[in-house]
Amino acid sequence: MIHLCGKGKIDESINQPGYVQYEYISDELKDLFSITDVIVSRAGSNSIFEFLALNIPMLLIPLSRQQSRGDQILNAESFKKQGYAEVIEEEDLTREHLIQKINTLYEKRDHFKQTMSRYQAKEVKSDVVNLIKIR
């Protein structure tokens, strides 16, 4: 398990076999993604669309409405509805629930990958230009 914690967020008290923490990863990130079976993440749009493009099944834990404007909740629900992700609301997050969702995601990862592989990014540049021309 690879845990990207952010600057100053590493917990030195955690010493588990198979678990490593990093503040940030840059050049090696592409290599880590290539060996990743599933990902647990917040639900920012940049990240989740990267995971979708890389066909990595995801468990999303969006920031709550108390911590955000709610966009991550909408992102997570959209991805869940489309079959790209499992979701746990932050208010429902417990150790047991997290482990259960990760196990379910891992067991069904091939199904998620198959669903994600059908996603086709749409080139919207011409649509935007046409909208501007109309106005």
Protein backbone atom coordinates (compact mmCIF):
# COMPACT_ATOMS: atom_id res chain seq x y z
CA MET A 1 0.00 0.00 0.00
CA ILE A 2 1.35 3.37 -1.05
CA HIS A 3 0.03 6.36 0.84
CA LEU A 4 0.58 9.85 -0.58
CA CYS A 5 0.14 11.97 2.53
CA GLY A 6 1.13 15.51 1.57
CA LYS A 7 3.83 17.76 2.97
CA GLY A 8 4.32 17.34 6.71
CA LYS A 9 1.62 14.66 7.01
CA ILE A 10 3.73 11.49 7.34
CA ASP A 11 2.93 9.57 10.52
CA GLU A 12 6.23 8.06 11.71
CA SER A 13 4.38 5.92 14.27
CA ILE A 14 2.93 3.68 11.55
CA ASN A 15 5.24 0.77 10.80
CA GLN A 16 3.36 -1.91 8.89
CA PRO A 17 4.84 -4.40 6.43
CA GLY A 18 3.75 -3.57 2.89
CA TYR A 19 2.79 0.02 3.76
CA VAL A 20 4.84 3.07 2.80
CA GLN A 21 4.15 6.78 3.08
CA TYR A 22 5.40 9.61 0.88
CA GLU A 23 4.78 13.31 1.12
CA TYR A 24 4.80 13.66 -2.65
CA ILE A 25 5.90 11.64 -5.64
CA SER A 26 6.82 13.18 -8.98
CA ASP A 27 8.80 11.24 -11.58
CA GLU A 28 7.93 7.84 -10.12
CA LEU A 29 4.17 8.47 -10.14
CA LYS A 30 3.68 6.95 -13.60
CA ASP A 31 5.45 3.78 -12.44
CA LEU A 32 3.33 3.55 -9.31
CA PHE A 33 0.13 4.00 -11.29
CA SER A 34 1.20 1.21 -13.64
CA ILE A 35 1.33 -1.28 -10.73
CA THR A 36 -1.78 -0.01 -8.93
CA ASP A 37 -4.73 -2.39 -8.59
CA VAL A 38 -7.15 0.02 -6.91
CA ILE A 39 -6.96 3.56 -5.58
CA VAL A 40 -8.49 5.27 -2.56
CA SER A 41 -8.82 9.00 -3.10
CA ARG A 42 -10.75 12.16 -2.54
CA ALA A 43 -12.94 13.06 -5.51
CA GLY A 44 -11.32 16.07 -7.14
CA SER A 45 -12.11 16.12 -10.84
CA ASN A 46 -8.52 16.23 -12.08
CA SER A 47 -7.54 13.14 -10.09
CA ILE A 48 -10.57 11.02 -10.81
CA PHE A 49 -10.43 11.67 -14.55
CA GLU A 50 -6.75 10.69 -14.51
CA PHE A 51 -7.66 7.44 -12.74
CA LEU A 52 -10.45 6.89 -15.28
CA ALA A 53 -8.05 7.48 -18.19
CA LEU A 54 -5.60 5.03 -16.59
CA ASN A 55 -8.41 2.50 -15.98
CA ILE A 56 -7.73 2.24 -12.23
CA PRO A 57 -10.76 1.26 -10.14
CA MET A 58 -11.31 3.76 -7.35
CA LEU A 59 -12.85 4.12 -3.94
CA LEU A 60 -13.76 7.77 -3.53
CA ILE A 61 -14.16 9.54 -0.20
CA PRO A 62 -15.28 13.05 -1.12
CA LEU A 63 -14.78 16.01 1.16
CA SER A 64 -17.95 16.65 3.15
CA ARG A 65 -20.16 19.70 2.60
CA GLN A 66 -18.74 21.13 5.82
CA GLN A 67 -15.25 21.13 4.26
CA SER A 68 -16.09 22.02 0.66
CA ARG A 69 -18.67 23.46 -1.69
CA GLY A 70 -19.95 19.95 -2.47
CA ASP A 71 -18.33 19.44 -5.88
CA GLN A 72 -16.43 16.33 -4.76
CA ILE A 73 -19.68 14.76 -3.57
CA LEU A 74 -21.22 15.37 -7.00
CA ASN A 75 -18.11 14.00 -8.74
CA ALA A 76 -18.10 10.86 -6.61
CA GLU A 77 -21.80 10.19 -7.08
CA SER A 78 -21.48 10.67 -10.84
CA PHE A 79 -18.60 8.20 -11.05
CA LYS A 80 -20.46 5.70 -8.86
CA LYS A 81 -23.59 5.99 -11.02
CA GLN A 82 -21.53 5.35 -14.16
CA GLY A 83 -19.87 2.29 -12.60
CA TYR A 84 -16.38 3.77 -12.34
CA ALA A 85 -16.07 3.90 -8.55
CA GLU A 86 -17.25 2.87 -5.11
CA VAL A 87 -17.99 5.72 -2.69
CA ILE A 88 -17.94 6.25 1.06
CA GLU A 89 -19.29 9.51 2.42
CA GLU A 90 -16.84 10.97 4.92
CA GLU A 91 -19.55 10.93 7.60
CA ASP A 92 -19.93 7.16 7.10
CA LEU A 93 -16.21 6.40 7.18
CA THR A 94 -15.19 3.75 9.70
CA ARG A 95 -12.30 1.32 9.67
CA GLU A 96 -14.64 -1.61 9.02
CA HIS A 97 -16.54 0.18 6.25
CA LEU A 98 -13.29 1.23 4.57
CA ILE A 99 -11.88 -2.30 4.63
CA GLN A 100 -15.16 -3.76 3.34
CA LYS A 101 -15.33 -1.27 0.44
CA ILE A 102 -11.66 -1.80 -0.50
CA ASN A 103 -12.15 -5.58 -0.50
CA THR A 104 -15.30 -5.28 -2.63
CA LEU A 105 -13.56 -2.94 -5.07
CA TYR A 106 -10.57 -5.27 -5.33
CA GLU A 107 -12.75 -8.33 -5.89
CA LYS A 108 -14.73 -6.54 -8.60
CA ARG A 109 -11.79 -4.65 -10.14
CA ASP A 110 -12.07 -6.44 -13.48
CA HIS A 111 -15.72 -5.42 -13.74
CA PHE A 112 -14.82 -1.81 -12.93
CA LYS A 113 -12.00 -1.85 -15.49
CA GLN A 114 -14.33 -3.20 -18.14
CA THR A 115 -16.89 -0.48 -17.41
CA MET A 116 -14.19 2.21 -17.35
CA SER A 117 -12.73 1.02 -20.66
CA ARG A 118 -15.98 1.98 -22.40
CA TYR A 119 -15.53 5.64 -21.44
CA GLN A 120 -14.77 7.81 -24.44
CA ALA A 121 -13.44 11.28 -23.82
CA LYS A 122 -15.17 13.84 -25.97
CA GLU A 123 -13.25 16.57 -27.73
CA VAL A 124 -15.22 19.61 -26.66
CA LYS A 125 -13.06 22.38 -28.08
CA SER A 126 -15.12 22.67 -31.27
CA ASP A 127 -18.35 22.67 -29.22
CA VAL A 128 -17.09 25.57 -27.11
CA VAL A 129 -15.94 27.52 -30.17
CA ASN A 130 -19.36 27.00 -31.81
CA LEU A 131 -21.13 28.19 -28.66
CA ILE A 132 -19.00 31.35 -28.64
CA LYS A 133 -19.70 31.99 -32.32
CA ILE A 134 -23.45 31.68 -31.77
CA ARG A 135 -23.46 34.36 -29.11
